[in-house]
Amino acid sequence: MECFECGAVERLHEHHVVPQSLGGKKTVTLCAACHGKAHDARGMREGLRRASDTKARQRERGEYAGGEIPYGQEKGRNGLLRPCYEEQVIIRQIKELRAFGLSLRQIGAVLVDQGSEIRGRKTWHPQTVSKILEKDA
């Protein structure tokens, strides 16, 4: 993708041609600089604040608000995050292995040996195991 106006390929945004508040649905891709020109600076800041507030409300309601879905959850058809059974089983196993005194690296090796994948990747990095343990502490 590239900016519709200048061809830039970084810091891209989707700009509503007709504001959403007026029913607009179609967007064009603009870089941050061109998007800022399409709005005055104050309007751009207000839009970013509103988007941030909307994402916070979505997270409070348990809805998917973009970004990486936390391990152990999946996005349901209704847009709400729900437990992912397969990943919940692995989380319980990670906790049990840690309780037995295995290191993060050893836990990853056990998971690889049994064929457990982490969302399509075959290797388990110790930092990934650590994040899962921290999140579920």
Protein backbone atom coordinates (compact mmCIF):
# COMPACT_ATOMS: atom_id res chain seq x y z
CA MET A 1 0.00 0.00 0.00
CA GLU A 2 1.03 3.56 -0.53
CA CYS A 3 -0.28 7.04 0.11
CA PHE A 4 -2.96 7.97 -2.43
CA GLU A 5 -1.62 11.52 -2.56
CA CYS A 6 2.21 11.33 -2.47
CA GLY A 7 3.09 7.62 -2.80
CA ALA A 8 4.74 7.27 0.65
CA VAL A 9 4.76 3.73 2.07
CA GLU A 10 5.22 4.41 5.82
CA ARG A 11 2.92 5.67 8.58
CA LEU A 12 -0.20 5.02 6.53
CA HIS A 13 -3.73 5.82 7.67
CA GLU A 14 -7.17 5.14 6.23
CA HIS A 15 -8.94 8.47 5.64
CA HIS A 16 -12.72 8.56 5.29
CA VAL A 17 -13.59 10.60 2.20
CA VAL A 18 -16.96 11.40 3.77
CA PRO A 19 -16.76 11.57 7.59
CA GLN A 20 -18.12 8.50 9.37
CA SER A 21 -20.36 10.78 11.43
CA LEU A 22 -22.11 11.62 8.15
CA GLY A 23 -22.40 8.01 7.07
CA GLY A 24 -19.16 7.74 5.11
CA LYS A 25 -17.81 4.25 4.53
CA LYS A 26 -15.20 4.55 1.76
CA THR A 27 -11.59 5.32 2.63
CA VAL A 28 -8.39 6.25 0.86
CA THR A 29 -4.90 5.46 2.15
CA LEU A 30 -2.90 8.53 3.17
CA CYS A 31 0.46 8.91 4.91
CA ALA A 32 0.50 10.77 8.24
CA ALA A 33 1.60 14.03 6.60
CA CYS A 34 -1.09 14.00 3.91
CA HIS A 35 -3.69 12.82 6.42
CA GLY A 36 -2.75 15.77 8.62
CA LYS A 37 -3.25 18.10 5.66
CA ALA A 38 -6.67 16.57 5.01
CA HIS A 39 -7.62 17.57 8.57
CA ASP A 40 -6.44 20.58 10.45
CA ALA A 41 -3.95 19.67 13.20
CA ARG A 42 -6.54 20.12 15.95
CA GLY A 43 -9.05 17.91 14.13
CA MET A 44 -6.42 15.23 13.66
CA ARG A 45 -5.56 15.22 17.38
CA GLU A 46 -9.26 15.04 18.25
CA GLY A 47 -9.74 12.13 15.84
CA LEU A 48 -6.82 10.21 17.34
CA ARG A 49 -8.15 10.84 20.87
CA ARG A 50 -11.61 9.58 19.85
CA ALA A 51 -10.11 6.48 18.23
CA SER A 52 -8.10 5.79 21.38
CA ASP A 53 -11.24 6.21 23.54
CA THR A 54 -13.20 3.88 21.25
CA LYS A 55 -10.52 1.19 21.48
CA ALA A 56 -10.47 1.50 25.28
CA ARG A 57 -14.27 1.04 25.43
CA GLN A 58 -14.02 -1.97 23.10
CA ARG A 59 -11.41 -3.59 25.38
CA GLU A 60 -13.59 -2.89 28.45
CA ARG A 61 -16.49 -4.73 26.76
CA GLY A 62 -14.19 -7.64 25.87
CA GLU A 63 -14.29 -6.82 22.16
CA TYR A 64 -11.34 -7.19 19.82
CA ALA A 65 -9.85 -3.70 19.43
CA GLY A 66 -7.07 -4.48 16.96
CA GLY A 67 -3.51 -5.63 17.33
CA GLU A 68 -2.33 -9.05 18.38
CA ILE A 69 -4.96 -11.20 20.05
CA PRO A 70 -3.69 -12.30 23.48
CA TYR A 71 -2.50 -15.90 23.64
CA GLY A 72 -5.24 -18.08 25.06
CA GLN A 73 -8.02 -16.09 23.39
CA GLU A 74 -9.60 -15.90 19.97
CA LYS A 75 -12.00 -13.56 18.24
CA GLY A 76 -15.56 -14.87 18.12
CA ARG A 77 -18.05 -14.24 15.31
CA ASN A 78 -19.66 -11.50 17.38
CA GLY A 79 -16.33 -9.62 17.65
CA LEU A 80 -15.88 -10.51 21.32
CA LEU A 81 -12.74 -12.21 22.55
CA ARG A 82 -13.36 -15.65 23.99
CA PRO A 83 -11.11 -18.37 25.43
CA CYS A 84 -9.35 -20.55 22.85
CA TYR A 85 -9.61 -24.11 24.19
CA GLU A 86 -6.43 -25.43 22.52
CA GLU A 87 -4.32 -22.52 23.78
CA GLN A 88 -5.85 -22.71 27.27
CA VAL A 89 -4.70 -26.34 27.48
CA ILE A 90 -1.14 -25.27 26.58
CA ILE A 91 -1.22 -22.43 29.13
CA ARG A 92 -2.19 -24.92 31.87
CA GLN A 93 0.63 -27.20 30.75
CA ILE A 94 3.14 -24.32 30.83
CA LYS A 95 2.08 -23.49 34.41
CA GLU A 96 2.42 -27.14 35.46
CA LEU A 97 5.88 -27.47 33.90
CA ARG A 98 7.00 -24.26 35.61
CA ALA A 99 5.64 -25.53 38.95
CA PHE A 100 7.80 -28.66 38.48
CA GLY A 101 10.83 -26.34 38.27
CA LEU A 102 11.54 -26.35 34.53
CA SER A 103 13.25 -23.29 33.05
CA LEU A 104 11.55 -21.23 30.35
CA ARG A 105 13.88 -22.75 27.75
CA GLN A 106 13.10 -26.28 28.97
CA ILE A 107 9.36 -25.60 28.84
CA GLY A 108 9.73 -24.41 25.24
CA ALA A 109 11.68 -27.56 24.36
CA VAL A 110 8.97 -29.80 25.87
CA LEU A 111 6.29 -27.98 23.87
CA VAL A 112 8.29 -28.33 20.65
CA ASP A 113 8.93 -32.05 21.34
CA GLN A 114 5.21 -32.71 21.70
CA GLY A 115 4.44 -30.79 18.50
CA SER A 116 2.72 -27.80 20.11
CA GLU A 117 2.93 -24.75 17.88
CA ILE A 118 2.49 -21.14 18.88
CA ARG A 119 0.14 -19.69 16.29
CA GLY A 120 1.86 -21.26 13.31
CA ARG A 121 5.46 -21.02 14.55
CA LYS A 122 7.18 -24.26 15.46
CA THR A 123 9.60 -22.85 18.04
CA TRP A 124 8.80 -21.57 21.51
CA HIS A 125 11.03 -18.67 22.55
CA PRO A 126 11.68 -18.42 26.33
CA GLN A 127 10.42 -14.83 26.29
CA THR A 128 7.11 -16.01 24.82
CA VAL A 129 6.73 -18.58 27.60
CA SER A 130 7.57 -15.86 30.14
CA LYS A 131 4.93 -13.47 28.74
CA ILE A 132 2.28 -16.19 28.91
CA LEU A 133 3.20 -16.93 32.54
CA GLU A 134 3.18 -13.21 33.45
CA LYS A 135 -0.17 -12.59 31.79
CA ASP A 136 -1.83 -15.51 33.52
CA ALA A 137 -0.23 -14.93 36.93
